[in-house]
Amino acid sequence: SIFSIDHMGWYRQAPGKQRELVAGISSGGSTNYADSVKGRF
């Protein structure tokens, strides 16, 4: 049931570190990225 699903994203968790948002995208296609991956992902 994907009704009302809007934002989707990718998170990552490295050993010994907290889970962080890598990239997100809205249903309309707007995106946001972590500074560490901008220009690469």
Full PDB file with SEQRES, HELIX, SHEET, SSBOND, CRYST1, ORIGX, SCALE, CONECT and MASTER records, all heavy atoms in Angstrom:
SEQRES   1 A   41  SER ILE PHE SER ILE ASP HIS MET GLY TRP TYR ARG GLN          
SEQRES   2 A   41  ALA PRO GLY LYS GLN ARG GLU LEU VAL ALA GLY ILE SER          
SEQRES   3 A   41  SER GLY GLY SER THR ASN TYR ALA ASP SER VAL LYS GLY          
SEQRES   4 A   41  ARG PHE                                                      
SHEET    1 AA1 3 MET A   8  ARG A  12  0                                        
SHEET    2 AA1 3 GLU A  20  ILE A  25 -1                                        
SHEET    3 AA1 3 THR A  31  TYR A  33 -1                                        
CRYST1    1.000    1.000    1.000  90.00  90.00  90.00 P 1           1          
ORIGX1      1.000000  0.000000  0.000000        0.00000                         
ORIGX2      0.000000  1.000000  0.000000        0.00000                         
ORIGX3      0.000000  0.000000  1.000000        0.00000                         
SCALE1      1.000000  0.000000  0.000000        0.00000                         
SCALE2      0.000000  1.000000  0.000000        0.00000                         
SCALE3      0.000000  0.000000  1.000000        0.00000                         
ATOM      1  N   SER A   1       0.840  -1.190   0.000  1.00  0.00           N  
ATOM      2  CA  SER A   1       0.000   0.000   0.000  1.00  0.00           C  
ATOM      3  C   SER A   1       0.876   1.240   0.000  1.00  0.00           C  
ATOM      4  O   SER A   1       1.376   1.666   1.044  1.00  0.00           O  
ATOM      5  CB  SER A   1      -0.926  -0.007   1.216  1.00  0.00           C  
ATOM      6  OG  SER A   1      -1.763   1.134   1.219  1.00  0.00           O  
ATOM      7  N   ILE A   2       1.067   1.820  -1.183  1.00  0.00           N  
ATOM      8  CA  ILE A   2       1.973   2.965  -1.315  1.00  0.00           C  
ATOM      9  C   ILE A   2       1.233   4.285  -1.343  1.00  0.00           C  
ATOM     10  O   ILE A   2       1.841   5.329  -1.597  1.00  0.00           O  
ATOM     11  CB  ILE A   2       2.848   2.836  -2.575  1.00  0.00           C  
ATOM     12  CG1 ILE A   2       1.974   2.813  -3.832  1.00  0.00           C  
ATOM     13  CG2 ILE A   2       3.707   1.584  -2.483  1.00  0.00           C  
ATOM     14  CD1 ILE A   2       2.769   2.854  -5.118  1.00  0.00           C  
ATOM     15  N   PHE A   3      -0.062   4.262  -1.089  1.00  0.00           N  
ATOM     16  CA  PHE A   3      -0.834   5.496  -1.052  1.00  0.00           C  
ATOM     17  C   PHE A   3      -0.260   6.440  -0.003  1.00  0.00           C  
ATOM     18  O   PHE A   3       0.016   6.042   1.127  1.00  0.00           O  
ATOM     19  CB  PHE A   3      -2.303   5.197  -0.745  1.00  0.00           C  
ATOM     20  CG  PHE A   3      -3.174   6.415  -0.678  1.00  0.00           C  
ATOM     21  CD1 PHE A   3      -3.564   7.071  -1.831  1.00  0.00           C  
ATOM     22  CD2 PHE A   3      -3.609   6.909   0.545  1.00  0.00           C  
ATOM     23  CE1 PHE A   3      -4.376   8.194  -1.780  1.00  0.00           C  
ATOM     24  CE2 PHE A   3      -4.414   8.034   0.610  1.00  0.00           C  
ATOM     25  CZ  PHE A   3      -4.801   8.681  -0.558  1.00  0.00           C  
ATOM     26  N   SER A   4      -0.077   7.686  -0.394  1.00  0.00           N  
ATOM     27  CA  SER A   4       0.440   8.764   0.448  1.00  0.00           C  
ATOM     28  C   SER A   4       1.933   8.658   0.735  1.00  0.00           C  
ATOM     29  O   SER A   4       2.461   9.440   1.524  1.00  0.00           O  
ATOM     30  CB  SER A   4      -0.321   8.850   1.773  1.00  0.00           C  
ATOM     31  OG  SER A   4      -1.673   9.229   1.544  1.00  0.00           O  
ATOM     32  N   ILE A   5       2.622   7.694   0.108  1.00  0.00           N  
ATOM     33  CA  ILE A   5       4.080   7.678   0.184  1.00  0.00           C  
ATOM     34  C   ILE A   5       4.600   8.895  -0.573  1.00  0.00           C  
ATOM     35  O   ILE A   5       4.278   9.109  -1.736  1.00  0.00           O  
ATOM     36  CB  ILE A   5       4.669   6.390  -0.403  1.00  0.00           C  
ATOM     37  CG1 ILE A   5       4.325   5.191   0.475  1.00  0.00           C  
ATOM     38  CG2 ILE A   5       6.179   6.519  -0.565  1.00  0.00           C  
ATOM     39  CD1 ILE A   5       5.029   5.196   1.812  1.00  0.00           C  
ATOM     40  N   ASP A   6       5.392   9.701   0.099  1.00  0.00           N  
ATOM     41  CA  ASP A   6       5.906  10.924  -0.504  1.00  0.00           C  
ATOM     42  C   ASP A   6       7.425  10.881  -0.568  1.00  0.00           C  
ATOM     43  O   ASP A   6       8.006  10.541  -1.594  1.00  0.00           O  
ATOM     44  CB  ASP A   6       5.427  12.142   0.282  1.00  0.00           C  
ATOM     45  CG  ASP A   6       5.806  13.462  -0.379  1.00  0.00           C  
ATOM     46  OD1 ASP A   6       6.478  13.454  -1.429  1.00  0.00           O  
ATOM     47  OD2 ASP A   6       5.429  14.522   0.164  1.00  0.00           O  
ATOM     48  N   HIS A   7       8.061  11.210   0.530  1.00  0.00           N  
ATOM     49  CA  HIS A   7       9.509  11.289   0.552  1.00  0.00           C  
ATOM     50  C   HIS A   7      10.144   9.909   0.641  1.00  0.00           C  
ATOM     51  O   HIS A   7       9.694   9.042   1.392  1.00  0.00           O  
ATOM     52  CB  HIS A   7       9.960  12.143   1.737  1.00  0.00           C  
ATOM     53  CG  HIS A   7      11.387  12.538   1.680  1.00  0.00           C  
ATOM     54  ND1 HIS A   7      12.386  11.760   2.233  1.00  0.00           N  
ATOM     55  CD2 HIS A   7      11.989  13.619   1.139  1.00  0.00           C  
ATOM     56  CE1 HIS A   7      13.543  12.354   2.033  1.00  0.00           C  
ATOM     57  NE2 HIS A   7      13.331  13.477   1.377  1.00  0.00           N  
ATOM     58  N   MET A   8      11.195   9.716  -0.134  1.00  0.00           N  
ATOM     59  CA  MET A   8      12.000   8.513  -0.056  1.00  0.00           C  
ATOM     60  C   MET A   8      13.457   8.923   0.060  1.00  0.00           C  
ATOM     61  O   MET A   8      13.842  10.005  -0.394  1.00  0.00           O  
ATOM     62  CB  MET A   8      11.799   7.611  -1.271  1.00  0.00           C  
ATOM     63  CG  MET A   8      10.376   7.104  -1.433  1.00  0.00           C  
ATOM     64  SD  MET A   8      10.201   5.876  -2.740  1.00  0.00           S  
ATOM     65  CE  MET A   8      11.152   4.512  -2.039  1.00  0.00           C  
ATOM     66  N   GLY A   9      14.247   8.068   0.669  1.00  0.00           N  
ATOM     67  CA  GLY A   9      15.632   8.433   0.863  1.00  0.00           C  
ATOM     68  C   GLY A   9      16.533   7.245   1.106  1.00  0.00           C  
ATOM     69  O   GLY A   9      16.079   6.109   1.265  1.00  0.00           O  
ATOM     70  N   TRP A  10      17.812   7.545   1.108  1.00  0.00           N  
ATOM     71  CA  TRP A  10      18.844   6.577   1.427  1.00  0.00           C  
ATOM     72  C   TRP A  10      19.609   7.040   2.647  1.00  0.00           C  
ATOM     73  O   TRP A  10      20.039   8.200   2.714  1.00  0.00           O  
ATOM     74  CB  TRP A  10      19.808   6.384   0.253  1.00  0.00           C  
ATOM     75  CG  TRP A  10      19.192   5.700  -0.925  1.00  0.00           C  
ATOM     76  CD1 TRP A  10      18.619   6.278  -2.013  1.00  0.00           C  
ATOM     77  CD2 TRP A  10      19.098   4.293  -1.122  1.00  0.00           C  
ATOM     78  NE1 TRP A  10      18.169   5.324  -2.883  1.00  0.00           N  
ATOM     79  CE2 TRP A  10      18.453   4.091  -2.365  1.00  0.00           C  
ATOM     80  CE3 TRP A  10      19.495   3.182  -0.383  1.00  0.00           C  
ATOM     81  CZ2 TRP A  10      18.201   2.815  -2.870  1.00  0.00           C  
ATOM     82  CZ3 TRP A  10      19.236   1.921  -0.882  1.00  0.00           C  
ATOM     83  CH2 TRP A  10      18.597   1.756  -2.114  1.00  0.00           C  
ATOM     84  N   TYR A  11      19.761   6.155   3.601  1.00  0.00           N  
ATOM     85  CA  TYR A  11      20.538   6.393   4.800  1.00  0.00           C  
ATOM     86  C   TYR A  11      21.694   5.409   4.838  1.00  0.00           C  
ATOM     87  O   TYR A  11      21.673   4.384   4.168  1.00  0.00           O  
ATOM     88  CB  TYR A  11      19.679   6.221   6.055  1.00  0.00           C  
ATOM     89  CG  TYR A  11      18.610   7.273   6.245  1.00  0.00           C  
ATOM     90  CD1 TYR A  11      17.478   7.293   5.445  1.00  0.00           C  
ATOM     91  CD2 TYR A  11      18.723   8.236   7.242  1.00  0.00           C  
ATOM     92  CE1 TYR A  11      16.490   8.248   5.623  1.00  0.00           C  
ATOM     93  CE2 TYR A  11      17.742   9.195   7.431  1.00  0.00           C  
ATOM     94  CZ  TYR A  11      16.628   9.191   6.618  1.00  0.00           C  
ATOM     95  OH  TYR A  11      15.655  10.145   6.811  1.00  0.00           O  
ATOM     96  N   ARG A  12      22.693   5.723   5.632  1.00  0.00           N  
ATOM     97  CA  ARG A  12      23.795   4.783   5.803  1.00  0.00           C  
ATOM     98  C   ARG A  12      24.291   4.830   7.234  1.00  0.00           C  
ATOM     99  O   ARG A  12      24.145   5.831   7.936  1.00  0.00           O  
ATOM    100  CB  ARG A  12      24.938   5.075   4.837  1.00  0.00           C  
ATOM    101  CG  ARG A  12      25.703   6.360   5.107  1.00  0.00           C  
ATOM    102  CD  ARG A  12      26.732   6.604   4.018  1.00  0.00           C  
ATOM    103  NE  ARG A  12      27.494   7.824   4.244  1.00  0.00           N  
ATOM    104  CZ  ARG A  12      28.361   8.342   3.378  1.00  0.00           C  
ATOM    105  NH1 ARG A  12      28.571   7.735   2.206  1.00  0.00           N  
ATOM    106  NH2 ARG A  12      29.018   9.458   3.671  1.00  0.00           N  
ATOM    107  N   GLN A  13      24.872   3.722   7.658  1.00  0.00           N  
ATOM    108  CA  GLN A  13      25.440   3.623   8.985  1.00  0.00           C  
ATOM    109  C   GLN A  13      26.765   2.883   8.897  1.00  0.00           C  
ATOM    110  O   GLN A  13      26.808   1.719   8.508  1.00  0.00           O  
ATOM    111  CB  GLN A  13      24.493   2.910   9.943  1.00  0.00           C  
ATOM    112  CG  GLN A  13      24.964   2.920  11.386  1.00  0.00           C  
ATOM    113  CD  GLN A  13      23.873   2.509  12.354  1.00  0.00           C  
ATOM    114  OE1 GLN A  13      22.922   1.834  11.971  1.00  0.00           O  
ATOM    115  NE2 GLN A  13      24.007   2.922  13.603  1.00  0.00           N  
ATOM    116  N   ALA A  14      27.822   3.580   9.244  1.00  0.00           N  
ATOM    117  CA  ALA A  14      29.153   3.003   9.267  1.00  0.00           C  
ATOM    118  C   ALA A  14      29.445   2.460  10.661  1.00  0.00           C  
ATOM    119  O   ALA A  14      28.828   2.893  11.642  1.00  0.00           O  
ATOM    120  CB  ALA A  14      30.192   4.046   8.871  1.00  0.00           C  
ATOM    121  N   PRO A  15      30.378   1.522  10.772  1.00  0.00           N  
ATOM    122  CA  PRO A  15      30.717   0.974  12.091  1.00  0.00           C  
ATOM    123  C   PRO A  15      31.117   2.070  13.071  1.00  0.00           C  
ATOM    124  O   PRO A  15      31.954   2.918  12.766  1.00  0.00           O  
ATOM    125  CB  PRO A  15      31.887   0.043  11.791  1.00  0.00           C  
ATOM    126  CG  PRO A  15      31.697  -0.350  10.366  1.00  0.00           C  
ATOM    127  CD  PRO A  15      31.134   0.868   9.701  1.00  0.00           C  
ATOM    128  N   GLY A  16      30.493   2.052  14.241  1.00  0.00           N  
ATOM    129  CA  GLY A  16      30.805   3.021  15.270  1.00  0.00           C  
ATOM    130  C   GLY A  16      30.239   4.403  15.051  1.00  0.00           C  
ATOM    131  O   GLY A  16      30.553   5.320  15.823  1.00  0.00           O  
ATOM    132  N   LYS A  17      29.403   4.578  14.029  1.00  0.00           N  
ATOM    133  CA  LYS A  17      28.837   5.883  13.732  1.00  0.00           C  
ATOM    134  C   LYS A  17      27.306   5.814  13.726  1.00  0.00           C  
ATOM    135  O   LYS A  17      26.711   4.747  13.639  1.00  0.00           O  
ATOM    136  CB  LYS A  17      29.337   6.409  12.386  1.00  0.00           C  
ATOM    137  CG  LYS A  17      30.831   6.627  12.308  1.00  0.00           C  
ATOM    138  CD  LYS A  17      31.250   7.185  10.965  1.00  0.00           C  
ATOM    139  CE  LYS A  17      30.713   8.584  10.746  1.00  0.00           C  
ATOM    140  NZ  LYS A  17      31.184   9.162   9.452  1.00  0.00           N  
ATOM    141  N   GLN A  18      26.684   6.978  13.816  1.00  0.00           N  
ATOM    142  CA  GLN A  18      25.232   7.082  13.815  1.00  0.00           C  
ATOM    143  C   GLN A  18      24.693   7.009  12.391  1.00  0.00           C  
ATOM    144  O   GLN A  18      25.364   7.407  11.437  1.00  0.00           O  
ATOM    145  CB  GLN A  18      24.819   8.394  14.481  1.00  0.00           C  
ATOM    146  CG  GLN A  18      23.423   8.404  15.053  1.00  0.00           C  
ATOM    147  CD  GLN A  18      23.196   9.592  15.980  1.00  0.00           C  
ATOM    148  OE1 GLN A  18      23.867  10.616  15.870  1.00  0.00           O  
ATOM    149  NE2 GLN A  18      22.250   9.455  16.887  1.00  0.00           N  
ATOM    150  N   ARG A  19      23.475   6.499  12.253  1.00  0.00           N  
ATOM    151  CA  ARG A  19      22.840   6.464  10.943  1.00  0.00           C  
ATOM    152  C   ARG A  19      22.596   7.892  10.463  1.00  0.00           C  
ATOM    153  O   ARG A  19      22.131   8.746  11.215  1.00  0.00           O  
ATOM    154  CB  ARG A  19      21.530   5.688  11.003  1.00  0.00           C  
ATOM    155  CG  ARG A  19      20.859   5.503   9.655  1.00  0.00           C  
ATOM    156  CD  ARG A  19      19.612   4.636   9.752  1.00  0.00           C  
ATOM    157  NE  ARG A  19      19.913   3.293  10.218  1.00  0.00           N  
ATOM    158  CZ  ARG A  19      19.030   2.303  10.250  1.00  0.00           C  
ATOM    159  NH1 ARG A  19      17.794   2.505   9.826  1.00  0.00           N  
ATOM    160  NH2 ARG A  19      19.388   1.108  10.710  1.00  0.00           N  
ATOM    161  N   GLU A  20      22.905   8.147   9.194  1.00  0.00           N  
ATOM    162  CA  GLU A  20      22.779   9.478   8.640  1.00  0.00           C  
ATOM    163  C   GLU A  20      22.049   9.452   7.306  1.00  0.00           C  
ATOM    164  O   GLU A  20      22.105   8.470   6.565  1.00  0.00           O  
ATOM    165  CB  GLU A  20      24.160  10.120   8.454  1.00  0.00           C  
ATOM    166  CG  GLU A  20      25.042   9.401   7.447  1.00  0.00           C  
ATOM    167  CD  GLU A  20      26.349  10.121   7.169  1.00  0.00           C  
ATOM    168  OE1 GLU A  20      26.485  11.294   7.561  1.00  0.00           O  
ATOM    169  OE2 GLU A  20      27.243   9.503   6.548  1.00  0.00           O  
ATOM    170  N   LEU A  21      21.387  10.549   7.006  1.00  0.00           N  
ATOM    171  CA  LEU A  21      20.734  10.704   5.716  1.00  0.00           C  
ATOM    172  C   LEU A  21      21.778  10.991   4.652  1.00  0.00           C  
ATOM    173  O   LEU A  21      22.569  11.922   4.786  1.00  0.00           O  
ATOM    174  CB  LEU A  21      19.706  11.833   5.759  1.00  0.00           C  
ATOM    175  CG  LEU A  21      19.024  12.181   4.433  1.00  0.00           C  
ATOM    176  CD1 LEU A  21      18.152  11.027   3.964  1.00  0.00           C  
ATOM    177  CD2 LEU A  21      18.202  13.452   4.561  1.00  0.00           C  
ATOM    178  N   VAL A  22      21.767  10.192   3.598  1.00  0.00           N  
ATOM    179  CA  VAL A  22      22.678  10.377   2.475  1.00  0.00           C  
ATOM    180  C   VAL A  22      22.030  11.224   1.394  1.00  0.00           C  
ATOM    181  O   VAL A  22      22.620  12.190   0.893  1.00  0.00           O  
ATOM    182  CB  VAL A  22      23.123   9.032   1.889  1.00  0.00           C  
ATOM    183  CG1 VAL A  22      24.032   9.236   0.679  1.00  0.00           C  
ATOM    184  CG2 VAL A  22      23.831   8.203   2.953  1.00  0.00           C  
ATOM    185  N   ALA A  23      20.822  10.867   1.004  1.00  0.00           N  
ATOM    186  CA  ALA A  23      20.102  11.573  -0.050  1.00  0.00           C  
ATOM    187  C   ALA A  23      18.620  11.343   0.109  1.00  0.00           C  
ATOM    188  O   ALA A  23      18.188  10.278   0.546  1.00  0.00           O  
ATOM    189  CB  ALA A  23      20.567  11.118  -1.436  1.00  0.00           C  
ATOM    190  N   GLY A  24      17.825  12.344  -0.247  1.00  0.00           N  
ATOM    191  CA  GLY A  24      16.383  12.229  -0.193  1.00  0.00           C  
ATOM    192  C   GLY A  24      15.755  12.782  -1.455  1.00  0.00           C  
ATOM    193  O   GLY A  24      16.342  13.622  -2.141  1.00  0.00           O  
ATOM    194  N   ILE A  25      14.549  12.307  -1.750  1.00  0.00           N  
ATOM    195  CA  ILE A  25      13.831  12.772  -2.930  1.00  0.00           C  
ATOM    196  C   ILE A  25      12.338  12.763  -2.632  1.00  0.00           C  
ATOM    197  O   ILE A  25      11.805  11.824  -2.044  1.00  0.00           O  
ATOM    198  CB  ILE A  25      14.168  11.907  -4.168  1.00  0.00           C  
ATOM    199  CG1 ILE A  25      13.529  12.490  -5.432  1.00  0.00           C  
ATOM    200  CG2 ILE A  25      13.760  10.450  -3.959  1.00  0.00           C  
ATOM    201  CD1 ILE A  25      14.069  11.877  -6.709  1.00  0.00           C  
ATOM    202  N   SER A  26      11.647  13.824  -3.028  1.00  0.00           N  
ATOM    203  CA  SER A  26      10.216  13.932  -2.827  1.00  0.00           C  
ATOM    204  C   SER A  26       9.470  13.305  -3.995  1.00  0.00           C  
ATOM    205  O   SER A  26      10.059  12.954  -5.020  1.00  0.00           O  
ATOM    206  CB  SER A  26       9.810  15.399  -2.672  1.00  0.00           C  
ATOM    207  OG  SER A  26       9.917  16.078  -3.906  1.00  0.00           O  
ATOM    208  N   SER A  27       8.160  13.179  -3.838  1.00  0.00           N  
ATOM    209  CA  SER A  27       7.349  12.637  -4.923  1.00  0.00           C  
ATOM    210  C   SER A  27       7.403  13.521  -6.157  1.00  0.00           C  
ATOM    211  O   SER A  27       7.223  13.029  -7.275  1.00  0.00           O  
ATOM    212  CB  SER A  27       5.901  12.461  -4.470  1.00  0.00           C  
ATOM    213  OG  SER A  27       5.324  13.701  -4.082  1.00  0.00           O  
ATOM    214  N   GLY A  28       7.664  14.812  -5.962  1.00  0.00           N  
ATOM    215  CA  GLY A  28       7.771  15.738  -7.071  1.00  0.00           C  
ATOM    216  C   GLY A  28       9.140  15.793  -7.707  1.00  0.00           C  
ATOM    217  O   GLY A  28       9.322  16.468  -8.720  1.00  0.00           O  
ATOM    218  N   GLY A  29      10.113  15.101  -7.115  1.00  0.00           N  
ATOM    219  CA  GLY A  29      11.431  15.019  -7.707  1.00  0.00           C  
ATOM    220  C   GLY A  29      12.481  15.941  -7.115  1.00  0.00           C  
ATOM    221  O   GLY A  29      13.627  15.940  -7.584  1.00  0.00           O  
ATOM    222  N   SER A  30      12.126  16.734  -6.116  1.00  0.00           N  
ATOM    223  CA  SER A  30      13.133  17.575  -5.482  1.00  0.00           C  
ATOM    224  C   SER A  30      14.060  16.718  -4.635  1.00  0.00           C  
ATOM    225  O   SER A  30      13.625  15.757  -3.998  1.00  0.00           O  
ATOM    226  CB  SER A  30      12.483  18.668  -4.642  1.00  0.00           C  
ATOM    227  OG  SER A  30      11.687  18.103  -3.614  1.00  0.00           O  
ATOM    228  N   THR A  31      15.336  17.062  -4.609  1.00  0.00           N  
ATOM    229  CA  THR A  31      16.345  16.236  -3.964  1.00  0.00           C  
ATOM    230  C   THR A  31      17.156  17.024  -2.950  1.00  0.00           C  
ATOM    231  O   THR A  31      17.244  18.252  -3.011  1.00  0.00           O  
ATOM    232  CB  THR A  31      17.306  15.634  -4.994  1.00  0.00           C  
ATOM    233  OG1 THR A  31      17.957  16.691  -5.710  1.00  0.00           O  
ATOM    234  CG2 THR A  31      16.543  14.757  -5.985  1.00  0.00           C  
ATOM    235  N   ASN A  32      17.754  16.289  -2.034  1.00  0.00           N  
ATOM    236  CA  ASN A  32      18.696  16.866  -1.100  1.00  0.00           C  
ATOM    237  C   ASN A  32      19.761  15.825  -0.788  1.00  0.00           C  
ATOM    238  O   ASN A  32      19.493  14.622  -0.808  1.00  0.00           O  
ATOM    239  CB  ASN A  32      18.014  17.361   0.177  1.00  0.00           C  
ATOM    240  CG  ASN A  32      17.320  16.253   0.942  1.00  0.00           C  
ATOM    241  OD1 ASN A  32      16.269  15.766   0.528  1.00  0.00           O  
ATOM    242  ND2 ASN A  32      17.899  15.849   2.070  1.00  0.00           N  
ATOM    243  N   TYR A  33      20.972  16.296  -0.478  1.00  0.00           N  
ATOM    244  CA  TYR A  33      22.109  15.416  -0.274  1.00  0.00           C  
ATOM    245  C   TYR A  33      22.909  15.840   0.938  1.00  0.00           C  
ATOM    246  O   TYR A  33      22.975  17.022   1.286  1.00  0.00           O  
ATOM    247  CB  TYR A  33      23.045  15.437  -1.486  1.00  0.00           C  
ATOM    248  CG  TYR A  33      22.435  14.937  -2.768  1.00  0.00           C  
ATOM    249  CD1 TYR A  33      21.803  15.817  -3.642  1.00  0.00           C  
ATOM    250  CD2 TYR A  33      22.501  13.596  -3.112  1.00  0.00           C  
ATOM    251  CE1 TYR A  33      21.239  15.365  -4.819  1.00  0.00           C  
ATOM    252  CE2 TYR A  33      21.938  13.137  -4.292  1.00  0.00           C  
ATOM    253  CZ  TYR A  33      21.314  14.030  -5.139  1.00  0.00           C  
ATOM    254  OH  TYR A  33      20.761  13.576  -6.314  1.00  0.00           O  
ATOM    255  N   ALA A  34      23.537  14.866   1.556  1.00  0.00           N  
ATOM    256  CA  ALA A  34      24.528  15.174   2.563  1.00  0.00           C  
ATOM    257  C   ALA A  34      25.717  15.856   1.902  1.00  0.00           C  
ATOM    258  O   ALA A  34      26.069  15.553   0.760  1.00  0.00           O  
ATOM    259  CB  ALA A  34      24.987  13.904   3.281  1.00  0.00           C  
ATOM    260  N   ASP A  35      26.332  16.784   2.619  1.00  0.00           N  
ATOM    261  CA  ASP A  35      27.459  17.514   2.049  1.00  0.00           C  
ATOM    262  C   ASP A  35      28.582  16.579   1.598  1.00  0.00           C  
ATOM    263  O   ASP A  35      29.271  16.852   0.611  1.00  0.00           O  
ATOM    264  CB  ASP A  35      28.010  18.518   3.060  1.00  0.00           C  
ATOM    265  CG  ASP A  35      27.082  19.696   3.285  1.00  0.00           C  
ATOM    266  OD1 ASP A  35      26.221  19.957   2.423  1.00  0.00           O  
ATOM    267  OD2 ASP A  35      27.222  20.361   4.330  1.00  0.00           O  
ATOM    268  N   SER A  36      28.749  15.480   2.295  1.00  0.00           N  
ATOM    269  CA  SER A  36      29.845  14.574   2.009  1.00  0.00           C  
ATOM    270  C   SER A  36      29.699  13.839   0.681  1.00  0.00           C  
ATOM    271  O   SER A  36      30.685  13.290   0.177  1.00  0.00           O  
ATOM    272  CB  SER A  36      29.993  13.550   3.139  1.00  0.00           C  
ATOM    273  OG  SER A  36      28.808  12.797   3.301  1.00  0.00           O  
ATOM    274  N   VAL A  37      28.493  13.817   0.110  1.00  0.00           N  
ATOM    275  CA  VAL A  37      28.275  13.070  -1.128  1.00  0.00           C  
ATOM    276  C   VAL A  37      27.863  13.955  -2.287  1.00  0.00           C  
ATOM    277  O   VAL A  37      27.696  13.448  -3.408  1.00  0.00           O  
ATOM    278  CB  VAL A  37      27.235  11.950  -0.938  1.00  0.00           C  
ATOM    279  CG1 VAL A  37      27.607  11.060   0.234  1.00  0.00           C  
ATOM    280  CG2 VAL A  37      25.833  12.534  -0.751  1.00  0.00           C  
ATOM    281  N   LYS A  38      27.703  15.236  -2.065  1.00  0.00           N  
ATOM    282  CA  LYS A  38      27.294  16.141  -3.137  1.00  0.00           C  
ATOM    283  C   LYS A  38      28.294  16.109  -4.279  1.00  0.00           C  
ATOM    284  O   LYS A  38      29.503  16.166  -4.070  1.00  0.00           O  
ATOM    285  CB  LYS A  38      27.147  17.568  -2.608  1.00  0.00           C  
ATOM    286  CG  LYS A  38      25.919  17.790  -1.755  1.00  0.00           C  
ATOM    287  CD  LYS A  38      25.821  19.243  -1.293  1.00  0.00           C  
ATOM    288  CE  LYS A  38      24.570  19.465  -0.470  1.00  0.00           C  
ATOM    289  NZ  LYS A  38      24.486  20.862   0.043  1.00  0.00           N  
ATOM    290  N   GLY A  39      27.774  16.017  -5.488  1.00  0.00           N  
ATOM    291  CA  GLY A  39      28.612  15.949  -6.664  1.00  0.00           C  
ATOM    292  C   GLY A  39      29.064  14.557  -7.024  1.00  0.00           C  
ATOM    293  O   GLY A  39      29.600  14.356  -8.125  1.00  0.00           O  
ATOM    294  N   ARG A  40      28.868  13.593  -6.128  1.00  0.00           N  
ATOM    295  CA  ARG A  40      29.288  12.217  -6.379  1.00  0.00           C  
ATOM    296  C   ARG A  40      28.106  11.251  -6.462  1.00  0.00           C  
ATOM    297  O   ARG A  40      28.144  10.305  -7.244  1.00  0.00           O  
ATOM    298  CB  ARG A  40      30.251  11.737  -5.296  1.00  0.00           C  
ATOM    299  CG  ARG A  40      31.521  12.567  -5.188  1.00  0.00           C  
ATOM    300  CD  ARG A  40      32.520  11.935  -4.231  1.00  0.00           C  
ATOM    301  NE  ARG A  40      31.989  11.853  -2.868  1.00  0.00           N  
ATOM    302  CZ  ARG A  40      31.819  10.713  -2.195  1.00  0.00           C  
ATOM    303  NH1 ARG A  40      32.136   9.552  -2.759  1.00  0.00           N  
ATOM    304  NH2 ARG A  40      31.351  10.742  -0.957  1.00  0.00           N  
ATOM    305  N   PHE A  41      27.088  11.475  -5.641  1.00  0.00           N  
ATOM    306  CA  PHE A  41      25.921  10.596  -5.601  1.00  0.00           C  
ATOM    307  C   PHE A  41      24.727  11.282  -6.254  1.00  0.00           C  
ATOM    308  O   PHE A  41      24.579  12.509  -6.182  1.00  0.00           O  
ATOM    309  CB  PHE A  41      25.542  10.246  -4.158  1.00  0.00           C  
ATOM    310  CG  PHE A  41      26.519   9.355  -3.443  1.00  0.00           C  
ATOM    311  CD1 PHE A  41      27.759   9.050  -3.984  1.00  0.00           C  
ATOM    312  CD2 PHE A  41      26.185   8.821  -2.207  1.00  0.00           C  
ATOM    313  CE1 PHE A  41      28.652   8.233  -3.315  1.00  0.00           C  
ATOM    314  CE2 PHE A  41      27.065   8.000  -1.530  1.00  0.00           C  
ATOM    315  CZ  PHE A  41      28.300   7.707  -2.083  1.00  0.00           C  
TER     316      PHE A  41                                                      
MASTER        0    0    0    0    3    0    0    6  315    1    0    4          
END                                                                             
